[in-house]
N, C-alpha and C. Protein backbone atom coordinates (compact mmCIF):
# COMPACT_ATOMS: atom_id res chain seq x y z
N MET A 1 -71.25 19.61 -8.66
CA MET A 1 -70.28 19.50 -7.48
C MET A 1 -70.04 18.05 -7.15
N ASN A 2 -70.99 17.23 -7.31
CA ASN A 2 -70.80 15.89 -7.05
C ASN A 2 -69.77 15.18 -8.00
N ASP A 3 -69.78 15.63 -9.21
CA ASP A 3 -68.88 15.04 -10.16
C ASP A 3 -67.48 15.47 -9.80
N VAL A 4 -67.23 16.74 -9.39
CA VAL A 4 -65.92 17.18 -9.01
C VAL A 4 -65.40 16.48 -7.74
N LEU A 5 -66.32 16.22 -6.76
CA LEU A 5 -65.95 15.48 -5.63
C LEU A 5 -65.56 14.06 -6.00
N ALA A 6 -66.37 13.47 -6.84
CA ALA A 6 -66.15 12.13 -7.24
C ALA A 6 -64.84 11.95 -7.95
N SER A 7 -64.54 12.96 -8.85
CA SER A 7 -63.28 12.98 -9.59
C SER A 7 -62.14 13.11 -8.65
N LEU A 8 -62.26 13.95 -7.63
CA LEU A 8 -61.23 14.23 -6.69
C LEU A 8 -60.93 13.02 -5.78
N LEU A 9 -62.01 12.34 -5.39
CA LEU A 9 -61.83 11.11 -4.58
C LEU A 9 -61.26 10.03 -5.47
N THR A 10 -61.58 9.95 -6.69
CA THR A 10 -61.06 8.88 -7.61
C THR A 10 -59.53 9.17 -7.77
N ALA A 11 -59.16 10.47 -8.02
CA ALA A 11 -57.71 10.80 -8.14
C ALA A 11 -56.92 10.50 -6.78
N VAL A 12 -57.52 10.79 -5.71
CA VAL A 12 -56.84 10.56 -4.42
C VAL A 12 -56.77 9.06 -4.19
N ALA A 13 -57.83 8.38 -4.50
CA ALA A 13 -57.88 6.94 -4.27
C ALA A 13 -56.81 6.21 -5.21
N GLY A 14 -56.59 6.72 -6.36
CA GLY A 14 -55.61 6.10 -7.24
C GLY A 14 -54.20 6.66 -6.94
N GLY A 15 -54.11 7.91 -6.56
CA GLY A 15 -52.76 8.54 -6.32
C GLY A 15 -52.06 8.14 -5.04
N VAL A 16 -52.85 8.06 -3.97
CA VAL A 16 -52.24 7.75 -2.66
C VAL A 16 -51.59 6.38 -2.70
N PRO A 17 -52.25 5.37 -3.10
CA PRO A 17 -51.53 4.10 -3.18
C PRO A 17 -50.27 4.09 -4.07
N ALA A 18 -50.35 4.84 -5.19
CA ALA A 18 -49.15 4.92 -5.98
C ALA A 18 -48.00 5.60 -5.23
N VAL A 19 -48.31 6.72 -4.53
CA VAL A 19 -47.30 7.38 -3.72
C VAL A 19 -46.71 6.48 -2.70
N ILE A 20 -47.54 5.74 -2.03
CA ILE A 20 -47.16 4.85 -0.96
C ILE A 20 -46.28 3.76 -1.58
N ALA A 21 -46.68 3.22 -2.74
CA ALA A 21 -45.88 2.19 -3.42
C ALA A 21 -44.52 2.72 -3.79
N VAL A 22 -44.44 3.91 -4.31
CA VAL A 22 -43.16 4.53 -4.65
C VAL A 22 -42.28 4.76 -3.42
N VAL A 23 -42.79 5.24 -2.32
CA VAL A 23 -42.13 5.45 -1.08
C VAL A 23 -41.51 4.13 -0.57
N LEU A 24 -42.37 3.16 -0.54
CA LEU A 24 -41.94 1.82 -0.05
C LEU A 24 -40.88 1.21 -0.92
N SER A 25 -41.06 1.39 -2.17
CA SER A 25 -40.07 0.85 -3.23
C SER A 25 -38.73 1.54 -2.96
N ASN A 26 -38.80 2.84 -2.84
CA ASN A 26 -37.55 3.55 -2.64
C ASN A 26 -36.83 3.23 -1.32
N ARG A 27 -37.60 3.02 -0.29
CA ARG A 27 -37.05 2.57 1.03
C ARG A 27 -36.38 1.22 0.86
N SER A 28 -37.09 0.29 0.21
CA SER A 28 -36.49 -0.99 -0.01
C SER A 28 -35.19 -0.94 -0.85
N HIS A 29 -35.27 -0.10 -1.86
CA HIS A 29 -34.14 0.09 -2.79
C HIS A 29 -32.93 0.73 -1.96
N ASP A 30 -33.17 1.75 -1.06
CA ASP A 30 -32.24 2.30 -0.27
C ASP A 30 -31.54 1.34 0.65
N LYS A 31 -32.28 0.42 1.20
CA LYS A 31 -31.76 -0.55 2.07
C LYS A 31 -30.82 -1.53 1.28
N VAL A 32 -31.20 -1.85 0.13
CA VAL A 32 -30.28 -2.67 -0.76
C VAL A 32 -29.01 -1.93 -1.05
N ILE A 33 -29.12 -0.68 -1.48
CA ILE A 33 -27.95 0.13 -1.75
C ILE A 33 -27.08 0.29 -0.49
N ASP A 34 -27.74 0.53 0.66
CA ASP A 34 -26.91 0.77 1.87
C ASP A 34 -26.19 -0.51 2.15
N GLU A 35 -26.74 -1.61 1.99
CA GLU A 35 -26.08 -2.94 2.26
C GLU A 35 -24.91 -3.13 1.31
N ARG A 36 -25.14 -2.84 0.10
CA ARG A 36 -24.03 -2.94 -0.93
C ARG A 36 -22.93 -2.06 -0.64
N LEU A 37 -23.25 -0.81 -0.21
CA LEU A 37 -22.22 0.11 0.10
C LEU A 37 -21.42 -0.32 1.33
N LYS A 38 -22.14 -0.87 2.33
CA LYS A 38 -21.47 -1.42 3.55
C LYS A 38 -20.53 -2.51 3.19
N ASN A 39 -20.93 -3.44 2.30
CA ASN A 39 -20.12 -4.55 1.89
C ASN A 39 -18.87 -4.00 1.02
N THR A 40 -19.23 -2.96 0.23
CA THR A 40 -18.11 -2.46 -0.57
C THR A 40 -17.08 -1.68 0.28
N ASN A 41 -17.61 -0.92 1.31
CA ASN A 41 -16.67 -0.27 2.23
C ASN A 41 -15.79 -1.29 3.01
N GLU A 42 -16.45 -2.38 3.43
CA GLU A 42 -15.72 -3.44 4.11
C GLU A 42 -14.54 -4.02 3.24
N LEU A 43 -14.96 -4.32 1.99
CA LEU A 43 -13.99 -4.81 1.08
C LEU A 43 -12.87 -3.84 0.82
N ILE A 44 -13.18 -2.50 0.65
CA ILE A 44 -12.17 -1.53 0.46
C ILE A 44 -11.24 -1.45 1.66
N ASN A 45 -11.86 -1.43 2.93
CA ASN A 45 -11.04 -1.38 4.06
C ASN A 45 -10.14 -2.60 4.15
N GLU A 46 -10.62 -3.81 3.82
CA GLU A 46 -9.82 -4.98 3.91
C GLU A 46 -8.71 -4.90 2.93
N ARG A 47 -8.95 -4.49 1.71
CA ARG A 47 -7.92 -4.40 0.77
C ARG A 47 -6.90 -3.24 1.09
N THR A 48 -7.36 -2.14 1.60
CA THR A 48 -6.48 -1.08 1.99
C THR A 48 -5.59 -1.56 3.11
N ASN A 49 -6.15 -2.30 4.12
CA ASN A 49 -5.25 -2.87 5.17
C ASN A 49 -4.20 -3.85 4.62
N ASN A 50 -4.65 -4.71 3.65
CA ASN A 50 -3.66 -5.66 3.04
C ASN A 50 -2.57 -4.87 2.32
N THR A 51 -3.03 -3.77 1.68
CA THR A 51 -2.00 -3.02 0.91
C THR A 51 -1.02 -2.34 1.83
N ASN A 52 -1.58 -1.67 2.96
CA ASN A 52 -0.78 -1.08 3.92
C ASN A 52 0.21 -2.12 4.51
N ASP A 53 -0.25 -3.33 4.79
CA ASP A 53 0.60 -4.33 5.36
C ASP A 53 1.79 -4.66 4.38
N ARG A 54 1.43 -4.81 3.10
CA ARG A 54 2.45 -5.09 2.10
C ARG A 54 3.40 -3.95 1.94
N ILE A 55 2.90 -2.74 2.03
CA ILE A 55 3.82 -1.53 1.91
C ILE A 55 4.89 -1.59 3.13
N GLN A 56 4.32 -1.87 4.31
CA GLN A 56 5.22 -1.92 5.51
C GLN A 56 6.25 -3.07 5.31
N GLU A 57 5.83 -4.16 4.80
CA GLU A 57 6.73 -5.26 4.52
C GLU A 57 7.79 -4.97 3.62
N LEU A 58 7.36 -4.23 2.51
CA LEU A 58 8.35 -3.80 1.51
C LEU A 58 9.30 -2.75 2.08
N SER A 59 8.73 -1.84 2.85
CA SER A 59 9.62 -0.75 3.49
C SER A 59 10.64 -1.50 4.35
N ALA A 60 10.30 -2.54 5.11
CA ALA A 60 11.22 -3.17 5.93
C ALA A 60 12.32 -3.87 5.13
N ARG A 61 11.90 -4.47 4.01
CA ARG A 61 12.90 -5.11 3.11
C ARG A 61 13.80 -4.11 2.52
N VAL A 62 13.30 -2.90 2.10
CA VAL A 62 14.12 -1.84 1.51
C VAL A 62 15.11 -1.31 2.60
N GLU A 63 14.66 -1.20 3.87
CA GLU A 63 15.57 -0.76 4.87
C GLU A 63 16.70 -1.76 5.15
N LYS A 64 16.37 -3.09 5.18
CA LYS A 64 17.34 -4.07 5.25
C LYS A 64 18.44 -4.01 4.16
N HIS A 65 17.83 -3.83 2.91
CA HIS A 65 18.72 -3.72 1.69
C HIS A 65 19.61 -2.51 1.82
N ASN A 66 19.05 -1.37 2.26
CA ASN A 66 19.88 -0.16 2.44
C ASN A 66 21.01 -0.38 3.41
N ASN A 67 20.64 -1.01 4.56
CA ASN A 67 21.59 -1.29 5.60
C ASN A 67 22.72 -2.21 5.06
N LEU A 68 22.34 -3.17 4.23
CA LEU A 68 23.30 -4.06 3.60
C LEU A 68 24.31 -3.31 2.72
N ILE A 69 23.74 -2.38 1.91
CA ILE A 69 24.50 -1.59 0.93
C ILE A 69 25.56 -0.74 1.81
N GLU A 70 25.06 -0.17 2.87
CA GLU A 70 25.94 0.69 3.76
C GLU A 70 27.06 -0.15 4.28
N ARG A 71 26.68 -1.39 4.84
CA ARG A 71 27.69 -2.32 5.37
C ARG A 71 28.67 -2.73 4.32
N MET A 72 28.18 -3.01 3.06
CA MET A 72 29.09 -3.42 2.05
C MET A 72 30.06 -2.32 1.61
N ALA A 73 29.62 -1.07 1.60
CA ALA A 73 30.44 0.04 1.30
C ALA A 73 31.65 0.11 2.37
N LEU A 74 31.30 -0.15 3.70
CA LEU A 74 32.31 -0.13 4.71
C LEU A 74 33.29 -1.35 4.56
N VAL A 75 32.69 -2.44 4.14
CA VAL A 75 33.61 -3.69 3.91
C VAL A 75 34.55 -3.37 2.71
N GLU A 76 34.01 -2.82 1.62
CA GLU A 76 34.85 -2.51 0.50
C GLU A 76 35.97 -1.51 0.84
N ALA A 77 35.56 -0.48 1.62
CA ALA A 77 36.60 0.45 2.02
C ALA A 77 37.71 -0.17 2.85
N SER A 78 37.22 -1.08 3.77
CA SER A 78 38.20 -1.79 4.68
C SER A 78 39.07 -2.71 3.77
N ALA A 79 38.44 -3.38 2.80
CA ALA A 79 39.31 -4.26 1.93
C ALA A 79 40.27 -3.51 1.13
N LYS A 80 39.83 -2.31 0.63
CA LYS A 80 40.76 -1.47 -0.12
C LYS A 80 41.96 -1.04 0.72
N SER A 81 41.68 -0.70 1.95
CA SER A 81 42.68 -0.29 2.86
C SER A 81 43.68 -1.47 3.22
N ALA A 82 43.07 -2.67 3.32
CA ALA A 82 43.91 -3.82 3.65
C ALA A 82 44.75 -4.18 2.35
N HIS A 83 44.22 -4.12 1.23
CA HIS A 83 44.99 -4.36 0.00
C HIS A 83 46.11 -3.37 -0.13
N LYS A 84 45.92 -2.08 0.22
CA LYS A 84 46.94 -1.12 0.13
C LYS A 84 48.07 -1.43 1.19
N ARG A 85 47.73 -1.82 2.33
CA ARG A 85 48.67 -2.24 3.37
C ARG A 85 49.49 -3.44 2.92
N ILE A 86 48.81 -4.40 2.31
CA ILE A 86 49.43 -5.61 1.85
C ILE A 86 50.44 -5.21 0.74
N ASP A 87 50.06 -4.34 -0.22
CA ASP A 87 50.90 -3.91 -1.31
C ASP A 87 52.10 -3.14 -0.74
N ASP A 88 51.90 -2.31 0.33
CA ASP A 88 53.05 -1.61 0.97
C ASP A 88 54.00 -2.70 1.59
N MET A 89 53.40 -3.58 2.32
CA MET A 89 54.26 -4.64 2.94
C MET A 89 55.01 -5.47 1.93
N SER A 90 54.39 -5.81 0.83
CA SER A 90 54.96 -6.52 -0.24
C SER A 90 56.18 -5.73 -0.85
N SER A 91 55.92 -4.47 -1.02
CA SER A 91 57.00 -3.64 -1.53
C SER A 91 58.12 -3.61 -0.54
N GLN A 92 57.86 -3.54 0.72
CA GLN A 92 58.96 -3.37 1.72
C GLN A 92 59.67 -4.73 1.78
N ILE A 93 58.96 -5.82 1.63
CA ILE A 93 59.64 -7.19 1.61
C ILE A 93 60.58 -7.27 0.39
N LYS A 94 60.09 -6.79 -0.73
CA LYS A 94 60.97 -6.87 -1.98
C LYS A 94 62.10 -6.00 -1.77
N ILE A 95 62.01 -4.83 -1.19
CA ILE A 95 63.17 -3.96 -0.97
C ILE A 95 64.17 -4.58 0.01
N ALA A 96 63.56 -5.19 1.09
CA ALA A 96 64.43 -5.82 2.02
C ALA A 96 65.13 -7.04 1.47
N THR A 97 64.40 -7.70 0.57
CA THR A 97 65.05 -8.91 -0.07
C THR A 97 66.22 -8.50 -1.02
N ARG A 98 66.03 -7.43 -1.71
CA ARG A 98 67.06 -6.91 -2.65
C ARG A 98 68.30 -6.43 -1.88
N GLN A 99 67.95 -5.77 -0.71
CA GLN A 99 69.08 -5.27 0.13
C GLN A 99 69.93 -6.41 0.63
N LYS A 100 69.25 -7.54 0.98
CA LYS A 100 69.96 -8.69 1.53
C LYS A 100 70.80 -9.32 0.42
N GLU A 101 70.20 -9.40 -0.79
CA GLU A 101 70.90 -10.00 -1.97
C GLU A 101 72.12 -9.18 -2.31
N ASN A 102 72.01 -7.86 -2.20
CA ASN A 102 73.10 -6.98 -2.59
C ASN A 102 74.21 -6.81 -1.48
N ALA A 103 73.79 -7.16 -0.26
CA ALA A 103 74.79 -7.06 0.78
C ALA A 103 75.70 -8.29 0.95
């Protein structure tokens, strides 16, 4: 019975420090991993914010561009109308000039 008790005490004496060492090692490793995750999350958040800022900036530029296109379409329509009126006036002047020459 003494041999069994001695073997058991030897196993416990050798096993308990090993278990304690593993637990402490895992805790230390977990702290390192947690710190890395924290740093990674901060980096991801920073880059996400930068990306969101750039998207908003590009959206504003696109909106300005779209407004310019709409305004240019109005200018082109107005210019087309003005050219038509000028052509009509030119035709009327030619007709009036011919009538004066024929009179």
